[in-house]
N, C-alpha and C. Protein backbone atom coordinates (compact mmCIF):
# COMPACT_ATOMS: atom_id res chain seq x y z
N MET A 1 -11.18 -10.03 18.48
CA MET A 1 -12.13 -8.84 17.36
C MET A 1 -12.99 -10.29 16.95
N VAL A 2 -14.48 -9.66 16.80
CA VAL A 2 -15.34 -10.97 16.67
C VAL A 2 -15.45 -10.24 15.09
N MET A 3 -15.74 -10.84 14.55
CA MET A 3 -15.46 -11.26 12.99
C MET A 3 -17.20 -10.82 12.92
N LYS A 4 -18.11 -10.75 12.03
CA LYS A 4 -19.24 -10.72 12.00
C LYS A 4 -19.36 -10.74 10.68
N ARG A 5 -20.61 -11.62 10.79
CA ARG A 5 -20.61 -12.50 9.28
C ARG A 5 -21.98 -11.97 8.29
N VAL A 6 -22.31 -11.62 7.07
CA VAL A 6 -22.92 -10.97 6.47
C VAL A 6 -22.86 -11.69 5.44
N PRO A 7 -24.82 -12.01 4.94
CA PRO A 7 -24.77 -12.54 3.61
C PRO A 7 -24.75 -11.42 2.67
N ALA A 8 -24.09 -12.19 1.11
CA ALA A 8 -24.06 -11.83 0.00
C ALA A 8 -24.91 -10.61 -0.57
N ALA A 9 -26.51 -10.71 -0.43
CA ALA A 9 -27.52 -9.77 -1.11
C ALA A 9 -27.30 -8.91 0.31
N ALA A 10 -26.86 -8.63 2.10
CA ALA A 10 -26.95 -8.18 2.36
C ALA A 10 -25.53 -7.24 2.04
N PHE A 11 -24.47 -7.71 1.93
CA PHE A 11 -23.51 -7.24 1.75
C PHE A 11 -23.65 -6.11 0.31
N LYS A 12 -23.87 -6.84 -0.52
CA LYS A 12 -24.51 -5.98 -1.69
C LYS A 12 -25.30 -4.55 -1.41
N ALA A 13 -26.77 -4.49 -0.56
CA ALA A 13 -27.47 -3.53 -0.75
C ALA A 13 -26.79 -2.62 0.44
N THR A 14 -25.88 -3.09 1.31
CA THR A 14 -25.01 -2.26 2.76
C THR A 14 -23.43 -2.09 2.15
N CYS A 15 -22.75 -2.51 1.47
CA CYS A 15 -21.72 -2.19 0.79
C CYS A 15 -20.86 -0.66 1.73
N LEU A 16 -21.05 -0.04 0.82
CA LEU A 16 -20.62 1.76 1.36
C LEU A 16 -20.50 1.73 2.88
N GLU A 17 -21.64 1.31 3.53
CA GLU A 17 -21.71 1.70 4.80
C GLU A 17 -20.57 0.85 5.42
N LEU A 18 -20.89 -0.40 5.35
CA LEU A 18 -19.95 -1.35 6.06
C LEU A 18 -18.87 -1.01 5.64
N MET A 19 -18.36 -0.74 4.71
CA MET A 19 -16.72 0.03 3.85
C MET A 19 -16.84 0.72 5.39
N ASP A 20 -17.05 2.13 5.81
CA ASP A 20 -17.31 3.44 6.39
C ASP A 20 -17.17 2.22 8.13
N ARG A 21 -17.58 1.61 8.28
CA ARG A 21 -17.20 1.19 9.61
C ARG A 21 -16.21 0.39 9.63
N VAL A 22 -15.91 0.18 9.10
CA VAL A 22 -14.92 -0.96 8.73
C VAL A 22 -13.66 0.10 8.92
N ARG A 23 -13.61 1.16 8.55
CA ARG A 23 -12.51 2.02 7.88
C ARG A 23 -13.08 3.29 9.63
N GLU A 24 -13.89 2.47 10.27
CA GLU A 24 -13.49 3.99 11.15
C GLU A 24 -13.68 3.35 13.25
N ALA A 25 -14.34 2.26 12.45
CA ALA A 25 -14.19 0.88 14.02
C ALA A 25 -13.41 0.44 13.78
N GLY A 26 -12.86 -0.55 12.64
CA GLY A 26 -11.60 -1.29 12.26
C GLY A 26 -12.97 -3.19 12.23
N VAL A 27 -14.29 -3.15 12.40
CA VAL A 27 -15.01 -4.08 12.20
C VAL A 27 -14.66 -4.60 11.11
N GLU A 28 -14.45 -6.23 11.13
CA GLU A 28 -14.73 -7.29 10.54
C GLU A 28 -15.51 -7.86 9.76
N TYR A 29 -15.51 -8.11 8.21
CA TYR A 29 -16.92 -9.01 7.57
C TYR A 29 -16.56 -10.15 7.13
N VAL A 30 -16.72 -11.08 7.42
CA VAL A 30 -16.80 -12.26 6.53
C VAL A 30 -18.06 -12.35 5.62
N VAL A 31 -17.92 -12.41 3.98
CA VAL A 31 -19.13 -11.57 3.71
C VAL A 31 -19.78 -14.18 3.33
N THR A 32 -20.84 -13.86 3.35
CA THR A 32 -21.15 -15.59 3.15
C THR A 32 -21.87 -15.53 1.89
N LYS A 33 -22.27 -16.26 1.09
CA LYS A 33 -22.71 -17.24 -0.08
C LYS A 33 -22.69 -18.24 0.14
N HIS A 34 -24.62 -18.17 0.28
CA HIS A 34 -25.22 -19.21 0.79
C HIS A 34 -24.35 -20.21 2.24
N GLY A 35 -24.57 -19.19 2.84
CA GLY A 35 -24.64 -20.09 4.22
C GLY A 35 -22.62 -20.11 4.17
N ARG A 36 -21.61 -20.04 3.68
CA ARG A 36 -20.47 -20.41 2.94
C ARG A 36 -19.06 -19.54 2.72
N PRO A 37 -18.84 -18.56 3.99
CA PRO A 37 -17.51 -17.51 3.20
C PRO A 37 -17.11 -17.43 2.33
N VAL A 38 -17.10 -16.60 1.54
CA VAL A 38 -16.55 -16.20 0.32
C VAL A 38 -15.31 -15.33 0.13
N ALA A 39 -15.47 -13.79 1.52
CA ALA A 39 -14.51 -12.86 1.27
C ALA A 39 -14.25 -12.10 2.83
N LYS A 40 -14.17 -11.82 2.96
CA LYS A 40 -13.58 -11.33 3.89
C LYS A 40 -13.41 -10.01 3.87
N LEU A 41 -13.83 -8.95 4.48
CA LEU A 41 -13.49 -7.63 5.02
C LEU A 41 -13.24 -6.47 5.96
N VAL A 42 -11.72 -6.45 5.97
CA VAL A 42 -11.00 -5.94 6.95
C VAL A 42 -10.58 -4.46 6.47
N PRO A 43 -10.15 -3.69 7.68
CA PRO A 43 -9.74 -2.64 7.30
C PRO A 43 -7.73 -2.51 7.18
N TYR A 44 -8.01 -1.30 5.99
CA TYR A 44 -6.59 -1.49 5.06
C TYR A 44 -5.55 -0.86 6.09
N ASP A 45 -4.27 -1.86 6.17
CA ASP A 45 -3.08 -0.65 7.35
C ASP A 45 -2.01 -1.26 6.73
N GLY A 46 -1.59 -0.41 5.15
CA GLY A 46 -1.10 -1.10 4.31
C GLY A 46 -0.34 0.49 4.09
N GLU A 47 1.30 0.53 3.73
CA GLU A 47 2.31 1.31 3.88
C GLU A 47 1.81 3.18 3.68
N LYS A 48 2.45 3.78 3.63
CA LYS A 48 1.89 5.10 4.30
C LYS A 48 2.15 5.53 3.21
N THR A 49 1.91 6.85 2.01
CA THR A 49 2.75 7.17 0.66
C THR A 49 3.45 8.24 1.27
N THR A 50 4.80 8.19 0.60
CA THR A 50 5.27 8.95 1.05
C THR A 50 6.73 9.55 -0.27
N SER A 51 6.65 10.70 0.29
CA SER A 51 6.26 12.29 -0.68
C SER A 51 7.96 11.83 -1.35
N PRO A 52 8.22 12.65 -2.34
CA PRO A 52 9.33 11.76 -3.75
C PRO A 52 10.12 13.06 -3.39
N PHE A 53 10.34 13.91 -2.15
CA PHE A 53 11.22 14.33 -2.06
C PHE A 53 12.32 13.36 -0.63
N GLY A 54 12.98 13.35 -0.52
CA GLY A 54 14.25 12.08 0.20
C GLY A 54 13.87 10.74 -0.20
N CYS A 55 13.47 10.15 -0.78
CA CYS A 55 13.16 9.14 -1.28
C CYS A 55 13.89 8.07 -1.47
N MET A 56 15.66 8.81 -1.92
CA MET A 56 16.49 7.91 -2.61
C MET A 56 17.77 8.40 -1.28
N LYS A 57 17.59 8.81 0.38
CA LYS A 57 18.54 9.56 1.04
C LYS A 57 18.64 7.41 1.17
N GLY A 58 20.03 7.74 1.38
CA GLY A 58 21.12 6.03 1.70
C GLY A 58 21.49 5.15 0.38
N THR A 59 20.30 6.16 -0.56
CA THR A 59 21.43 5.25 -1.94
C THR A 59 22.63 5.08 -1.33
N VAL A 60 22.76 6.14 -2.50
CA VAL A 60 24.57 6.01 -2.37
C VAL A 60 25.20 6.22 -1.20
N LEU A 61 26.17 4.75 -2.08
CA LEU A 61 26.77 4.16 -0.93
C LEU A 61 28.34 5.35 -0.25
N GLY A 62 28.88 5.16 -1.45
CA GLY A 62 30.14 6.67 -1.08
C GLY A 62 30.90 7.92 -2.20
N TYR A 63 30.90 8.06 -2.04
CA TYR A 63 31.26 9.07 -3.23
C TYR A 63 32.67 10.28 -2.34
N GLU A 64 34.54 9.88 -2.84
CA GLU A 64 34.90 10.71 -1.34
C GLU A 64 35.16 11.96 -1.70
N ARG A 65 35.27 12.41 -3.38
CA ARG A 65 35.37 13.94 -3.67
C ARG A 65 34.66 14.77 -4.87
N PRO A 66 33.26 14.73 -4.68
CA PRO A 66 32.17 14.58 -6.02
C PRO A 66 32.66 16.05 -6.20
N PHE A 67 33.02 16.75 -6.30
CA PHE A 67 33.83 18.03 -7.03
C PHE A 67 34.56 18.11 -8.04
N ASP A 68 35.55 17.49 -7.96
CA ASP A 68 36.81 17.24 -8.38
C ASP A 68 36.46 16.89 -10.02
N PRO A 69 37.24 17.53 -11.31
CA PRO A 69 36.94 17.33 -12.65
C PRO A 69 36.85 15.74 -12.68
N VAL A 70 36.09 15.87 -14.19
CA VAL A 70 36.10 14.19 -14.39
C VAL A 70 37.38 13.95 -15.03
N ASP A 71 37.76 12.50 -15.42
CA ASP A 71 38.78 12.14 -15.95
C ASP A 71 39.05 12.57 -17.66
N ALA A 72 40.02 12.79 -17.50
CA ALA A 72 40.47 13.70 -19.14
C ALA A 72 39.66 12.64 -20.46
N ASP A 73 40.13 10.76 -19.75
CA ASP A 73 39.78 10.59 -20.63
C ASP A 73 38.36 9.87 -21.02
N TRP A 74 37.49 10.87 -20.03
CA TRP A 74 35.48 10.15 -20.52
C TRP A 74 35.04 10.84 -21.30
N ASP A 75 35.01 10.77 -22.38
CA ASP A 75 34.33 10.84 -23.48
C ASP A 75 32.24 10.39 -23.37
N VAL A 76 31.75 11.52 -23.62
CA VAL A 76 30.24 11.39 -23.27
C VAL A 76 30.13 10.57 -24.74
N ASN A 77 30.48 10.94 -25.55
CA ASN A 77 29.81 9.75 -27.39
C ASN A 77 30.44 8.42 -27.19
N ARG A 78 31.73 7.72 -25.98
CA ARG A 78 32.32 6.84 -26.19
C ARG A 78 31.15 5.59 -26.33
N THR A 79 31.44 4.81 -27.00
CA THR A 79 31.28 3.25 -27.68
C THR A 79 31.51 2.59 -26.48
């Protein structure tokens, strides 16, 4: 993929348009200041947002008998 160079002044003037191109076409831009690269605008490919439902799936390692009564020695106010 060819990265396009864009001067900082042109980037400032067309920032939103360039961001749309990056999102839609995957184009990458290198922003330059006085001919030197200072920033890179690339498509974001981060993690997908997940639903809170099922996010804890697989976190309990094992519990043999979950419906058995709690031991008689257990006390909620124990210190």
